[in-house]
Amino acid sequence: MALRICKVEDIPLGKSIRVKVGDVAIAIVRTPNGEVKAINDLCSHGEISLSEGFVDNETIECWAHGAKFSLETGAPLSLPAYEPVPVYDILIENDEIFLDYDPA
């Protein structure tokens, strides 16, 4: 199921927004080089919102404890996190961002 999120330009470069899909919070990230990624919004270390964190081209960093996660795989790249977080597929059509999400 593809859910429309927003237009690409609605997310500034190097920033992210938080969206809720059912009970799941997801960070929609626009990297400094313009790629759009989607990752679960909760840091696996402390359940802190990753959408409030720091974004670079390949990672998002939890603002509270500094754990970094791969935007490609959700794998933790630094302590204190050691558990991955889910990532989700993004579709972009006509400058619109769609989240490919299966609620099951």
N, C-alpha and C. Protein backbone atom coordinates (compact mmCIF):
# COMPACT_ATOMS: atom_id res chain seq x y z
N MET A 1 0.85 -1.18 0.00
CA MET A 1 0.00 0.00 0.00
C MET A 1 0.89 1.23 0.00
N ALA A 2 0.67 2.13 -0.93
CA ALA A 2 1.45 3.37 -1.02
C ALA A 2 0.64 4.52 -0.45
N LEU A 3 1.20 5.15 0.57
CA LEU A 3 0.55 6.29 1.22
C LEU A 3 1.25 7.58 0.85
N ARG A 4 0.50 8.56 0.38
CA ARG A 4 1.10 9.86 0.06
C ARG A 4 1.50 10.55 1.36
N ILE A 5 2.74 11.04 1.38
CA ILE A 5 3.25 11.73 2.56
C ILE A 5 3.24 13.24 2.36
N CYS A 6 3.97 13.72 1.35
CA CYS A 6 4.08 15.15 1.09
C CYS A 6 4.85 15.35 -0.21
N LYS A 7 5.10 16.58 -0.57
CA LYS A 7 5.97 16.89 -1.71
C LYS A 7 7.43 16.83 -1.23
N VAL A 8 8.33 16.52 -2.13
CA VAL A 8 9.75 16.44 -1.78
C VAL A 8 10.22 17.75 -1.18
N GLU A 9 9.86 18.87 -1.79
CA GLU A 9 10.35 20.17 -1.31
C GLU A 9 9.76 20.57 0.05
N ASP A 10 8.78 19.84 0.55
CA ASP A 10 8.23 20.13 1.88
C ASP A 10 9.20 19.73 3.00
N ILE A 11 10.20 18.92 2.66
CA ILE A 11 11.21 18.52 3.65
C ILE A 11 12.52 19.19 3.25
N PRO A 12 13.06 20.10 4.07
CA PRO A 12 14.32 20.76 3.73
C PRO A 12 15.47 19.74 3.64
N LEU A 13 16.45 20.05 2.81
CA LEU A 13 17.63 19.21 2.72
C LEU A 13 18.27 19.03 4.09
N GLY A 14 18.63 17.80 4.41
CA GLY A 14 19.30 17.51 5.68
C GLY A 14 18.35 17.47 6.88
N LYS A 15 17.07 17.38 6.64
CA LYS A 15 16.08 17.36 7.72
C LYS A 15 15.15 16.17 7.58
N SER A 16 14.29 15.99 8.56
CA SER A 16 13.30 14.92 8.50
C SER A 16 12.01 15.36 9.15
N ILE A 17 10.94 14.66 8.83
CA ILE A 17 9.65 14.91 9.44
C ILE A 17 9.15 13.60 10.03
N ARG A 18 8.28 13.70 11.00
CA ARG A 18 7.69 12.53 11.64
C ARG A 18 6.27 12.37 11.12
N VAL A 19 5.94 11.15 10.70
CA VAL A 19 4.57 10.85 10.29
C VAL A 19 4.12 9.63 11.06
N LYS A 20 2.83 9.53 11.28
CA LYS A 20 2.25 8.35 11.95
C LYS A 20 1.44 7.58 10.92
N VAL A 21 1.69 6.28 10.87
CA VAL A 21 0.91 5.38 10.05
C VAL A 21 0.35 4.34 11.00
N GLY A 22 -0.93 4.48 11.30
CA GLY A 22 -1.52 3.65 12.34
C GLY A 22 -0.83 3.97 13.67
N ASP A 23 -0.28 2.97 14.31
CA ASP A 23 0.43 3.17 15.58
C ASP A 23 1.93 3.32 15.39
N VAL A 24 2.40 3.35 14.15
CA VAL A 24 3.84 3.38 13.88
C VAL A 24 4.28 4.78 13.50
N ALA A 25 5.30 5.30 14.21
CA ALA A 25 5.90 6.58 13.88
C ALA A 25 7.08 6.34 12.95
N ILE A 26 7.13 7.10 11.86
CA ILE A 26 8.16 6.93 10.85
C ILE A 26 8.79 8.29 10.56
N ALA A 27 10.13 8.30 10.48
CA ALA A 27 10.86 9.50 10.09
C ALA A 27 11.07 9.45 8.58
N ILE A 28 10.58 10.48 7.89
CA ILE A 28 10.83 10.63 6.46
C ILE A 28 11.97 11.63 6.34
N VAL A 29 13.07 11.17 5.79
CA VAL A 29 14.33 11.92 5.81
C VAL A 29 14.68 12.38 4.40
N ARG A 30 15.12 13.63 4.28
CA ARG A 30 15.69 14.13 3.03
C ARG A 30 17.14 14.46 3.31
N THR A 31 18.02 13.66 2.75
CA THR A 31 19.45 13.81 3.04
C THR A 31 19.98 15.09 2.40
N PRO A 32 21.17 15.54 2.84
CA PRO A 32 21.75 16.74 2.24
C PRO A 32 21.97 16.62 0.73
N ASN A 33 22.13 15.38 0.21
CA ASN A 33 22.29 15.24 -1.24
C ASN A 33 20.96 15.03 -1.95
N GLY A 34 19.83 15.14 -1.22
CA GLY A 34 18.51 15.13 -1.83
C GLY A 34 17.79 13.79 -1.86
N GLU A 35 18.42 12.71 -1.40
CA GLU A 35 17.73 11.42 -1.36
C GLU A 35 16.65 11.44 -0.28
N VAL A 36 15.59 10.68 -0.50
CA VAL A 36 14.52 10.57 0.48
C VAL A 36 14.51 9.14 1.01
N LYS A 37 14.52 9.01 2.35
CA LYS A 37 14.56 7.72 3.02
C LYS A 37 13.47 7.69 4.09
N ALA A 38 13.11 6.48 4.52
CA ALA A 38 12.13 6.32 5.60
C ALA A 38 12.67 5.29 6.58
N ILE A 39 12.64 5.66 7.86
CA ILE A 39 13.15 4.80 8.93
C ILE A 39 12.22 4.94 10.13
N ASN A 40 12.11 3.87 10.90
CA ASN A 40 11.28 3.95 12.10
C ASN A 40 11.75 5.12 12.94
N ASP A 41 10.82 5.85 13.51
CA ASP A 41 11.16 7.09 14.21
C ASP A 41 11.70 6.89 15.62
N LEU A 42 11.68 5.68 16.15
CA LEU A 42 12.13 5.50 17.53
C LEU A 42 13.50 4.86 17.59
N CYS A 43 14.42 5.53 18.25
CA CYS A 43 15.76 4.98 18.50
C CYS A 43 15.61 3.69 19.30
N SER A 44 16.30 2.66 18.89
CA SER A 44 16.18 1.38 19.58
C SER A 44 16.87 1.38 20.95
N HIS A 45 17.65 2.40 21.23
CA HIS A 45 18.30 2.48 22.54
C HIS A 45 17.40 3.07 23.59
N GLY A 46 16.74 4.18 23.27
CA GLY A 46 15.99 4.86 24.31
C GLY A 46 14.62 5.36 23.90
N GLU A 47 14.10 4.87 22.76
CA GLU A 47 12.79 5.30 22.28
C GLU A 47 12.68 6.82 22.18
N ILE A 48 13.73 7.42 21.65
CA ILE A 48 13.78 8.86 21.37
C ILE A 48 13.44 9.06 19.89
N SER A 49 12.77 10.13 19.56
CA SER A 49 12.38 10.41 18.18
C SER A 49 13.60 10.69 17.31
N LEU A 50 13.84 9.82 16.32
CA LEU A 50 14.96 10.02 15.41
C LEU A 50 14.71 11.19 14.47
N SER A 51 13.47 11.51 14.19
CA SER A 51 13.18 12.63 13.28
C SER A 51 13.67 13.96 13.84
N GLU A 52 13.97 14.01 15.12
CA GLU A 52 14.52 15.23 15.73
C GLU A 52 16.05 15.20 15.75
N GLY A 53 16.63 14.16 15.15
CA GLY A 53 18.07 13.97 15.18
C GLY A 53 18.79 14.67 14.04
N PHE A 54 20.05 14.26 13.86
CA PHE A 54 20.95 14.88 12.90
C PHE A 54 21.11 13.96 11.70
N VAL A 55 20.96 14.52 10.51
CA VAL A 55 20.97 13.75 9.27
C VAL A 55 22.22 14.06 8.47
N ASP A 56 22.87 13.00 7.93
CA ASP A 56 23.85 13.22 6.89
C ASP A 56 23.45 12.36 5.70
N ASN A 57 24.33 12.15 4.75
CA ASN A 57 23.93 11.46 3.52
C ASN A 57 23.59 10.00 3.72
N GLU A 58 24.10 9.37 4.77
CA GLU A 58 23.88 7.94 4.94
C GLU A 58 23.33 7.54 6.29
N THR A 59 23.29 8.48 7.25
CA THR A 59 22.89 8.13 8.61
C THR A 59 21.96 9.17 9.21
N ILE A 60 21.30 8.72 10.29
CA ILE A 60 20.57 9.63 11.16
C ILE A 60 21.06 9.36 12.57
N GLU A 61 21.30 10.42 13.32
CA GLU A 61 21.86 10.31 14.67
C GLU A 61 20.83 10.75 15.71
N CYS A 62 20.63 9.90 16.71
CA CYS A 62 19.74 10.23 17.82
C CYS A 62 20.29 11.45 18.56
N TRP A 63 19.47 12.45 18.73
CA TRP A 63 19.92 13.69 19.36
C TRP A 63 20.21 13.50 20.84
N ALA A 64 19.62 12.51 21.48
CA ALA A 64 19.75 12.37 22.94
C ALA A 64 21.02 11.65 23.36
N HIS A 65 21.37 10.55 22.68
CA HIS A 65 22.50 9.74 23.13
C HIS A 65 23.55 9.51 22.06
N GLY A 66 23.34 10.02 20.85
CA GLY A 66 24.36 9.95 19.81
C GLY A 66 24.42 8.67 19.00
N ALA A 67 23.50 7.74 19.19
CA ALA A 67 23.52 6.52 18.39
C ALA A 67 23.20 6.87 16.93
N LYS A 68 23.97 6.30 16.01
CA LYS A 68 23.75 6.53 14.58
C LYS A 68 23.19 5.27 13.95
N PHE A 69 22.30 5.49 12.98
CA PHE A 69 21.66 4.39 12.26
C PHE A 69 21.82 4.59 10.76
N SER A 70 22.02 3.50 10.05
CA SER A 70 22.07 3.54 8.59
C SER A 70 20.68 3.83 8.05
N LEU A 71 20.59 4.79 7.14
CA LEU A 71 19.31 5.08 6.50
C LEU A 71 18.94 4.01 5.47
N GLU A 72 19.92 3.23 5.03
CA GLU A 72 19.68 2.17 4.05
C GLU A 72 19.14 0.90 4.71
N THR A 73 19.74 0.52 5.85
CA THR A 73 19.43 -0.78 6.45
C THR A 73 18.78 -0.70 7.83
N GLY A 74 18.89 0.45 8.49
CA GLY A 74 18.40 0.59 9.86
C GLY A 74 19.37 0.06 10.89
N ALA A 75 20.52 -0.46 10.45
CA ALA A 75 21.51 -1.02 11.37
C ALA A 75 22.12 0.07 12.24
N PRO A 76 22.35 -0.23 13.53
CA PRO A 76 23.04 0.73 14.38
C PRO A 76 24.51 0.78 13.98
N LEU A 77 25.05 1.99 13.92
CA LEU A 77 26.43 2.17 13.51
C LEU A 77 27.31 2.66 14.64
N SER A 78 26.69 2.97 15.78
CA SER A 78 27.45 3.40 16.95
C SER A 78 26.65 3.11 18.22
N LEU A 79 27.37 2.96 19.28
CA LEU A 79 26.74 2.77 20.59
C LEU A 79 26.14 4.08 21.05
N PRO A 80 25.16 4.06 21.92
CA PRO A 80 24.74 2.96 22.76
C PRO A 80 23.72 2.01 22.12
N ALA A 81 23.27 2.29 20.89
CA ALA A 81 22.29 1.39 20.26
C ALA A 81 22.98 0.15 19.73
N TYR A 82 22.32 -0.97 19.87
CA TYR A 82 22.84 -2.22 19.31
C TYR A 82 21.77 -3.00 18.57
N GLU A 83 20.54 -2.52 18.59
CA GLU A 83 19.44 -3.15 17.86
C GLU A 83 19.08 -2.28 16.65
N PRO A 84 18.84 -2.90 15.50
CA PRO A 84 18.43 -2.13 14.32
C PRO A 84 17.00 -1.62 14.45
N VAL A 85 16.67 -0.67 13.59
CA VAL A 85 15.31 -0.17 13.49
C VAL A 85 14.82 -0.43 12.06
N PRO A 86 13.53 -0.64 11.88
CA PRO A 86 13.02 -0.91 10.53
C PRO A 86 13.18 0.28 9.58
N VAL A 87 13.41 -0.04 8.33
CA VAL A 87 13.39 0.96 7.26
C VAL A 87 12.25 0.61 6.32
N TYR A 88 11.80 1.59 5.56
CA TYR A 88 10.64 1.43 4.69
C TYR A 88 10.97 1.96 3.30
N ASP A 89 10.31 1.41 2.30
CA ASP A 89 10.53 1.84 0.93
C ASP A 89 9.77 3.13 0.64
N ILE A 90 10.42 3.97 -0.14
CA ILE A 90 9.84 5.25 -0.56
C ILE A 90 9.68 5.22 -2.08
N LEU A 91 8.58 5.77 -2.55
CA LEU A 91 8.35 5.96 -3.98
C LEU A 91 8.20 7.46 -4.22
N ILE A 92 8.80 7.95 -5.29
CA ILE A 92 8.64 9.37 -5.63
C ILE A 92 8.07 9.43 -7.05
N GLU A 93 6.92 10.07 -7.15
CA GLU A 93 6.26 10.26 -8.44
C GLU A 93 5.80 11.70 -8.54
N ASN A 94 6.22 12.36 -9.62
CA ASN A 94 5.83 13.77 -9.85
C ASN A 94 6.13 14.63 -8.64
N ASP A 95 7.30 14.43 -8.04
CA ASP A 95 7.76 15.21 -6.89
C ASP A 95 6.93 14.97 -5.63
N GLU A 96 6.14 13.91 -5.61
CA GLU A 96 5.35 13.53 -4.44
C GLU A 96 6.01 12.31 -3.79
N ILE A 97 6.09 12.32 -2.46
CA ILE A 97 6.67 11.20 -1.71
C ILE A 97 5.55 10.27 -1.27
N PHE A 98 5.72 8.98 -1.57
CA PHE A 98 4.80 7.95 -1.14
C PHE A 98 5.57 6.93 -0.30
N LEU A 99 4.99 6.51 0.77
CA LEU A 99 5.57 5.48 1.61
C LEU A 99 4.96 4.14 1.23
N ASP A 100 5.80 3.18 0.88
CA ASP A 100 5.33 1.84 0.56
C ASP A 100 5.27 1.08 1.88
N TYR A 101 4.07 0.95 2.41
CA TYR A 101 3.91 0.43 3.78
C TYR A 101 2.89 -0.69 3.80
N ASP A 102 3.28 -1.78 4.43
CA ASP A 102 2.38 -2.91 4.62
C ASP A 102 2.05 -3.01 6.11
N PRO A 103 0.86 -2.69 6.54
CA PRO A 103 0.54 -2.68 7.97
C PRO A 103 0.66 -4.05 8.63
N ALA A 104 0.68 -5.12 7.85
CA ALA A 104 0.84 -6.47 8.42
C ALA A 104 2.27 -6.64 8.82
